[in-house]
Amino acid sequence: MGNQPPLRSAWLVSDGRVLASADVADTPRTRRVGLLGKSSTETALVIQPCSWVHTLGMRFALDIAYVNRDGVVVKVTRLAPWRVGAPVRGSKYVIEAASGSFERWGLRVGATVEVRSS
């Protein structure tokens, strides 16, 4: 995947504190490519719009947060490589990060998250 499409940069903010820097995949091409081809990630990836994800072709496990239109996290899960997640009703966008990131950030179901352009 040497020719990665450009992603918009942003910050993930919850309760007034920055959780992480993020890349935003908000075009058909950037949503389709996502984190494919990477062996790790230091940032979060926000995929919008999105209500389900998979880790087919991924080299590492991901923390996944499904967020509704009000910015509230409605589901958090961890997907190992080569798995397919179920669609989450009401999800407007998804946040992906390296496994263990959400625990470090304190991101849980019920948290309100904002994606702020940088």
N, C-alpha and C. Protein backbone atom coordinates (compact mmCIF):
# COMPACT_ATOMS: atom_id res chain seq x y z
N MET A 1 0.83 -1.19 0.00
CA MET A 1 0.00 0.00 0.00
C MET A 1 0.87 1.25 0.00
N GLY A 2 1.83 1.29 -0.86
CA GLY A 2 2.78 2.37 -0.86
C GLY A 2 2.21 3.73 -1.19
N ASN A 3 1.09 3.79 -1.90
CA ASN A 3 0.52 5.07 -2.29
C ASN A 3 -0.70 5.39 -1.43
N GLN A 4 -0.47 5.68 -0.16
CA GLN A 4 -1.55 5.98 0.77
C GLN A 4 -2.18 7.33 0.46
N PRO A 5 -3.52 7.40 0.45
CA PRO A 5 -4.17 8.69 0.23
C PRO A 5 -3.95 9.61 1.44
N PRO A 6 -3.97 10.94 1.23
CA PRO A 6 -3.76 11.87 2.35
C PRO A 6 -4.95 11.84 3.31
N LEU A 7 -4.64 11.98 4.57
CA LEU A 7 -5.66 12.02 5.62
C LEU A 7 -5.65 13.39 6.29
N ARG A 8 -6.81 13.82 6.74
CA ARG A 8 -6.94 15.08 7.47
C ARG A 8 -6.49 14.84 8.91
N SER A 9 -5.74 15.78 9.49
CA SER A 9 -5.27 15.66 10.87
C SER A 9 -6.28 16.26 11.83
N ALA A 10 -6.37 15.68 13.02
CA ALA A 10 -7.31 16.15 14.04
C ALA A 10 -6.81 15.74 15.42
N TRP A 11 -7.56 16.17 16.43
CA TRP A 11 -7.32 15.77 17.82
C TRP A 11 -8.58 15.10 18.35
N LEU A 12 -8.43 14.06 19.14
CA LEU A 12 -9.55 13.47 19.87
C LEU A 12 -9.58 14.11 21.24
N VAL A 13 -10.72 14.70 21.58
CA VAL A 13 -10.86 15.42 22.84
C VAL A 13 -12.06 14.85 23.60
N SER A 14 -11.89 14.64 24.90
CA SER A 14 -12.98 14.16 25.75
C SER A 14 -12.90 14.89 27.09
N ASP A 15 -14.01 15.45 27.51
CA ASP A 15 -14.06 16.18 28.78
C ASP A 15 -12.97 17.24 28.88
N GLY A 16 -12.71 17.93 27.77
CA GLY A 16 -11.76 19.03 27.76
C GLY A 16 -10.31 18.62 27.72
N ARG A 17 -10.02 17.34 27.62
CA ARG A 17 -8.62 16.92 27.55
C ARG A 17 -8.36 16.17 26.25
N VAL A 18 -7.19 16.38 25.70
CA VAL A 18 -6.79 15.73 24.45
C VAL A 18 -6.41 14.28 24.76
N LEU A 19 -7.06 13.36 24.07
CA LEU A 19 -6.74 11.94 24.22
C LEU A 19 -5.59 11.53 23.32
N ALA A 20 -5.64 12.01 22.06
CA ALA A 20 -4.64 11.59 21.09
C ALA A 20 -4.75 12.43 19.82
N SER A 21 -3.68 12.41 19.04
CA SER A 21 -3.77 12.95 17.68
C SER A 21 -4.47 11.89 16.84
N ALA A 22 -5.11 12.34 15.78
CA ALA A 22 -5.88 11.42 14.95
C ALA A 22 -5.75 11.79 13.48
N ASP A 23 -5.91 10.79 12.65
CA ASP A 23 -6.07 10.99 11.22
C ASP A 23 -7.53 10.69 10.92
N VAL A 24 -8.12 11.46 10.00
CA VAL A 24 -9.54 11.30 9.68
C VAL A 24 -9.67 10.75 8.26
N ALA A 25 -10.33 9.61 8.16
CA ALA A 25 -10.63 8.99 6.87
C ALA A 25 -12.09 9.30 6.56
N ASP A 26 -12.32 10.28 5.69
CA ASP A 26 -13.69 10.73 5.43
C ASP A 26 -14.04 10.80 3.95
N THR A 27 -13.23 10.14 3.14
CA THR A 27 -13.55 10.01 1.72
C THR A 27 -13.67 8.52 1.42
N PRO A 28 -14.35 8.14 0.34
CA PRO A 28 -14.46 6.70 0.04
C PRO A 28 -13.10 6.00 -0.02
N ARG A 29 -12.12 6.64 -0.63
CA ARG A 29 -10.80 6.00 -0.74
C ARG A 29 -10.10 5.88 0.61
N THR A 30 -10.08 6.94 1.40
CA THR A 30 -9.39 6.87 2.68
C THR A 30 -10.10 5.91 3.64
N ARG A 31 -11.43 5.84 3.57
CA ARG A 31 -12.16 4.87 4.41
C ARG A 31 -11.83 3.45 4.00
N ARG A 32 -11.71 3.20 2.70
CA ARG A 32 -11.42 1.86 2.19
C ARG A 32 -10.01 1.42 2.60
N VAL A 33 -9.03 2.31 2.55
CA VAL A 33 -7.65 1.96 2.86
C VAL A 33 -7.42 1.87 4.37
N GLY A 34 -7.94 2.84 5.13
CA GLY A 34 -7.78 2.81 6.58
C GLY A 34 -6.34 2.59 7.01
N LEU A 35 -6.12 1.60 7.86
CA LEU A 35 -4.78 1.30 8.38
C LEU A 35 -4.10 0.15 7.65
N LEU A 36 -4.69 -0.31 6.55
CA LEU A 36 -4.09 -1.41 5.80
C LEU A 36 -2.67 -1.06 5.37
N GLY A 37 -1.80 -2.03 5.47
CA GLY A 37 -0.42 -1.83 5.06
C GLY A 37 0.49 -1.32 6.15
N LYS A 38 -0.09 -0.90 7.27
CA LYS A 38 0.74 -0.42 8.38
C LYS A 38 1.04 -1.56 9.33
N SER A 39 2.20 -1.52 9.96
CA SER A 39 2.56 -2.54 10.93
C SER A 39 2.28 -2.08 12.35
N SER A 40 1.97 -0.79 12.51
CA SER A 40 1.59 -0.23 13.81
C SER A 40 1.04 1.17 13.55
N THR A 41 0.52 1.78 14.61
CA THR A 41 0.07 3.17 14.51
C THR A 41 0.27 3.86 15.85
N GLU A 42 0.70 5.09 15.79
CA GLU A 42 0.89 5.90 17.00
C GLU A 42 -0.30 6.83 17.22
N THR A 43 -1.13 7.00 16.20
CA THR A 43 -2.27 7.90 16.28
C THR A 43 -3.56 7.09 16.20
N ALA A 44 -4.66 7.76 16.43
CA ALA A 44 -5.97 7.15 16.22
C ALA A 44 -6.37 7.38 14.77
N LEU A 45 -7.28 6.56 14.29
CA LEU A 45 -7.87 6.76 12.97
C LEU A 45 -9.37 6.90 13.18
N VAL A 46 -9.93 8.01 12.71
CA VAL A 46 -11.38 8.23 12.76
C VAL A 46 -11.92 7.94 11.37
N ILE A 47 -12.88 7.03 11.29
CA ILE A 47 -13.50 6.68 10.01
C ILE A 47 -14.93 7.17 10.06
N GLN A 48 -15.25 8.10 9.13
CA GLN A 48 -16.61 8.66 9.12
C GLN A 48 -17.11 8.87 7.71
N PRO A 49 -18.35 8.53 7.45
CA PRO A 49 -19.26 7.78 8.31
C PRO A 49 -18.86 6.31 8.36
N CYS A 50 -19.25 5.63 9.44
CA CYS A 50 -18.89 4.22 9.60
C CYS A 50 -19.70 3.60 10.73
N SER A 51 -20.19 2.38 10.51
CA SER A 51 -20.92 1.67 11.56
C SER A 51 -20.38 0.26 11.79
N TRP A 52 -19.39 -0.16 10.99
CA TRP A 52 -18.73 -1.46 11.24
C TRP A 52 -17.35 -1.46 10.60
N VAL A 53 -16.47 -2.29 11.14
CA VAL A 53 -15.12 -2.40 10.62
C VAL A 53 -14.67 -3.85 10.59
N HIS A 54 -13.56 -4.09 9.92
CA HIS A 54 -12.93 -5.41 9.92
C HIS A 54 -11.42 -5.20 10.06
N THR A 55 -10.74 -6.28 10.40
CA THR A 55 -9.28 -6.23 10.49
C THR A 55 -8.66 -7.22 9.50
N LEU A 56 -9.37 -7.50 8.41
CA LEU A 56 -8.83 -8.37 7.37
C LEU A 56 -7.61 -7.69 6.76
N GLY A 57 -6.50 -8.39 6.73
CA GLY A 57 -5.27 -7.82 6.19
C GLY A 57 -4.47 -7.00 7.19
N MET A 58 -4.98 -6.85 8.41
CA MET A 58 -4.26 -6.06 9.42
C MET A 58 -3.14 -6.89 10.04
N ARG A 59 -2.10 -6.20 10.51
CA ARG A 59 -0.94 -6.85 11.11
C ARG A 59 -0.94 -6.74 12.63
N PHE A 60 -1.91 -6.02 13.20
CA PHE A 60 -1.94 -5.82 14.65
C PHE A 60 -3.38 -5.66 15.12
N ALA A 61 -3.63 -5.94 16.39
CA ALA A 61 -4.96 -5.82 16.97
C ALA A 61 -5.32 -4.35 17.16
N LEU A 62 -6.62 -4.07 17.12
CA LEU A 62 -7.12 -2.70 17.25
C LEU A 62 -8.15 -2.58 18.36
N ASP A 63 -8.11 -1.44 19.06
CA ASP A 63 -9.23 -1.00 19.89
C ASP A 63 -10.18 -0.26 18.95
N ILE A 64 -11.48 -0.53 19.08
CA ILE A 64 -12.49 0.09 18.22
C ILE A 64 -13.55 0.73 19.11
N ALA A 65 -13.84 2.01 18.86
CA ALA A 65 -14.94 2.70 19.56
C ALA A 65 -15.95 3.14 18.51
N TYR A 66 -17.21 2.81 18.76
CA TYR A 66 -18.31 3.23 17.89
C TYR A 66 -18.98 4.43 18.55
N VAL A 67 -19.13 5.51 17.79
CA VAL A 67 -19.58 6.78 18.35
C VAL A 67 -20.85 7.23 17.63
N ASN A 68 -21.87 7.68 18.40
CA ASN A 68 -23.12 8.12 17.78
C ASN A 68 -23.06 9.57 17.34
N ARG A 69 -24.16 10.08 16.80
CA ARG A 69 -24.18 11.44 16.24
C ARG A 69 -23.97 12.52 17.30
N ASP A 70 -24.20 12.19 18.57
CA ASP A 70 -23.98 13.14 19.65
C ASP A 70 -22.56 13.09 20.21
N GLY A 71 -21.72 12.23 19.62
CA GLY A 71 -20.34 12.11 20.08
C GLY A 71 -20.18 11.19 21.28
N VAL A 72 -21.20 10.40 21.58
CA VAL A 72 -21.14 9.49 22.73
C VAL A 72 -20.69 8.11 22.26
N VAL A 73 -19.71 7.56 22.96
CA VAL A 73 -19.22 6.22 22.65
C VAL A 73 -20.29 5.21 23.07
N VAL A 74 -20.79 4.44 22.09
CA VAL A 74 -21.87 3.48 22.36
C VAL A 74 -21.37 2.05 22.49
N LYS A 75 -20.16 1.78 21.97
CA LYS A 75 -19.59 0.44 22.11
C LYS A 75 -18.08 0.54 21.96
N VAL A 76 -17.37 -0.27 22.75
CA VAL A 76 -15.92 -0.39 22.65
C VAL A 76 -15.59 -1.87 22.54
N THR A 77 -14.70 -2.20 21.63
CA THR A 77 -14.30 -3.60 21.48
C THR A 77 -12.85 -3.65 21.03
N ARG A 78 -12.29 -4.83 21.07
CA ARG A 78 -10.93 -5.06 20.57
C ARG A 78 -11.03 -6.14 19.50
N LEU A 79 -10.43 -5.87 18.34
CA LEU A 79 -10.45 -6.84 17.25
C LEU A 79 -9.03 -7.30 16.94
N ALA A 80 -8.83 -8.61 16.98
CA ALA A 80 -7.56 -9.19 16.56
C ALA A 80 -7.47 -9.11 15.04
N PRO A 81 -6.28 -9.27 14.48
CA PRO A 81 -6.17 -9.29 13.02
C PRO A 81 -7.03 -10.39 12.41
N TRP A 82 -7.52 -10.12 11.20
CA TRP A 82 -8.31 -11.06 10.42
C TRP A 82 -9.67 -11.38 11.06
N ARG A 83 -10.31 -10.38 11.62
CA ARG A 83 -11.65 -10.53 12.20
C ARG A 83 -12.60 -9.54 11.55
N VAL A 84 -13.90 -9.84 11.65
CA VAL A 84 -14.94 -8.95 11.13
C VAL A 84 -15.86 -8.59 12.29
N GLY A 85 -16.02 -7.30 12.54
CA GLY A 85 -16.92 -6.84 13.59
C GLY A 85 -18.35 -6.75 13.07
N ALA A 86 -19.29 -6.80 13.98
CA ALA A 86 -20.70 -6.65 13.62
C ALA A 86 -21.04 -5.17 13.51
N PRO A 87 -21.97 -4.82 12.61
CA PRO A 87 -22.41 -3.42 12.54
C PRO A 87 -23.02 -2.97 13.87
N VAL A 88 -22.83 -1.71 14.21
CA VAL A 88 -23.38 -1.15 15.45
C VAL A 88 -24.42 -0.11 15.08
N ARG A 89 -25.66 -0.39 15.40
CA ARG A 89 -26.77 0.50 15.08
C ARG A 89 -26.58 1.86 15.77
N GLY A 90 -26.75 2.92 15.01
CA GLY A 90 -26.63 4.26 15.56
C GLY A 90 -25.23 4.83 15.53
N SER A 91 -24.25 4.03 15.08
CA SER A 91 -22.88 4.53 15.01
C SER A 91 -22.74 5.48 13.83
N LYS A 92 -22.22 6.67 14.10
CA LYS A 92 -21.98 7.65 13.04
C LYS A 92 -20.54 7.56 12.55
N TYR A 93 -19.62 7.29 13.48
CA TYR A 93 -18.22 7.11 13.10
C TYR A 93 -17.54 6.15 14.07
N VAL A 94 -16.35 5.72 13.65
CA VAL A 94 -15.57 4.74 14.41
C VAL A 94 -14.19 5.33 14.68
N ILE A 95 -13.67 5.04 15.85
CA ILE A 95 -12.30 5.40 16.20
C ILE A 95 -11.51 4.10 16.32
N GLU A 96 -10.41 4.00 15.58
CA GLU A 96 -9.52 2.85 15.67
C GLU A 96 -8.19 3.30 16.26
N ALA A 97 -7.62 2.45 17.09
CA ALA A 97 -6.30 2.73 17.66
C ALA A 97 -5.63 1.41 17.99
N ALA A 98 -4.33 1.44 18.20
CA ALA A 98 -3.60 0.24 18.57
C ALA A 98 -4.18 -0.34 19.86
N SER A 99 -4.20 -1.66 19.92
CA SER A 99 -4.71 -2.35 21.09
C SER A 99 -4.07 -1.83 22.38
N GLY A 100 -4.89 -1.52 23.37
CA GLY A 100 -4.42 -0.99 24.65
C GLY A 100 -4.51 0.52 24.76
N SER A 101 -4.72 1.20 23.64
CA SER A 101 -4.77 2.67 23.65
C SER A 101 -5.93 3.19 24.47
N PHE A 102 -7.11 2.61 24.31
CA PHE A 102 -8.30 3.13 24.99
C PHE A 102 -8.15 3.04 26.51
N GLU A 103 -7.53 1.96 26.97
CA GLU A 103 -7.30 1.83 28.41
C GLU A 103 -6.39 2.95 28.91
N ARG A 104 -5.32 3.24 28.16
CA ARG A 104 -4.41 4.33 28.54
C ARG A 104 -5.11 5.68 28.52
N TRP A 105 -6.00 5.88 27.53
CA TRP A 105 -6.70 7.16 27.38
C TRP A 105 -7.90 7.30 28.31
N GLY A 106 -8.38 6.19 28.86
CA GLY A 106 -9.59 6.21 29.68
C GLY A 106 -10.85 6.32 28.82
N LEU A 107 -10.81 5.86 27.59
CA LEU A 107 -11.97 5.93 26.69
C LEU A 107 -12.87 4.73 26.93
N ARG A 108 -14.13 5.02 27.31
CA ARG A 108 -15.09 3.98 27.67
C ARG A 108 -16.46 4.29 27.08
N VAL A 109 -17.32 3.29 27.12
CA VAL A 109 -18.72 3.48 26.73
C VAL A 109 -19.30 4.59 27.60
N GLY A 110 -20.03 5.50 26.98
CA GLY A 110 -20.65 6.62 27.69
C GLY A 110 -19.84 7.91 27.64
N ALA A 111 -18.56 7.79 27.30
CA ALA A 111 -17.71 9.00 27.18
C ALA A 111 -18.16 9.80 25.97
N THR A 112 -18.02 11.12 26.07
CA THR A 112 -18.30 11.99 24.93
C THR A 112 -16.97 12.37 24.28
N VAL A 113 -16.90 12.19 22.97
CA VAL A 113 -15.66 12.45 22.24
C VAL A 113 -15.93 13.48 21.15
N GLU A 114 -14.98 14.35 20.97
CA GLU A 114 -15.05 15.36 19.90
C GLU A 114 -13.82 15.19 19.02
N VAL A 115 -14.04 15.28 17.71
CA VAL A 115 -12.93 15.24 16.74
C VAL A 115 -12.71 16.69 16.31
N ARG A 116 -11.60 17.26 16.79
CA ARG A 116 -11.29 18.67 16.46
C ARG A 116 -10.21 18.74 15.40
N SER A 117 -10.50 19.45 14.33
CA SER A 117 -9.50 19.63 13.28
C SER A 117 -8.31 20.38 13.83
N SER A 118 -7.13 19.97 13.39
CA SER A 118 -5.92 20.64 13.90
C SER A 118 -5.46 21.73 12.97
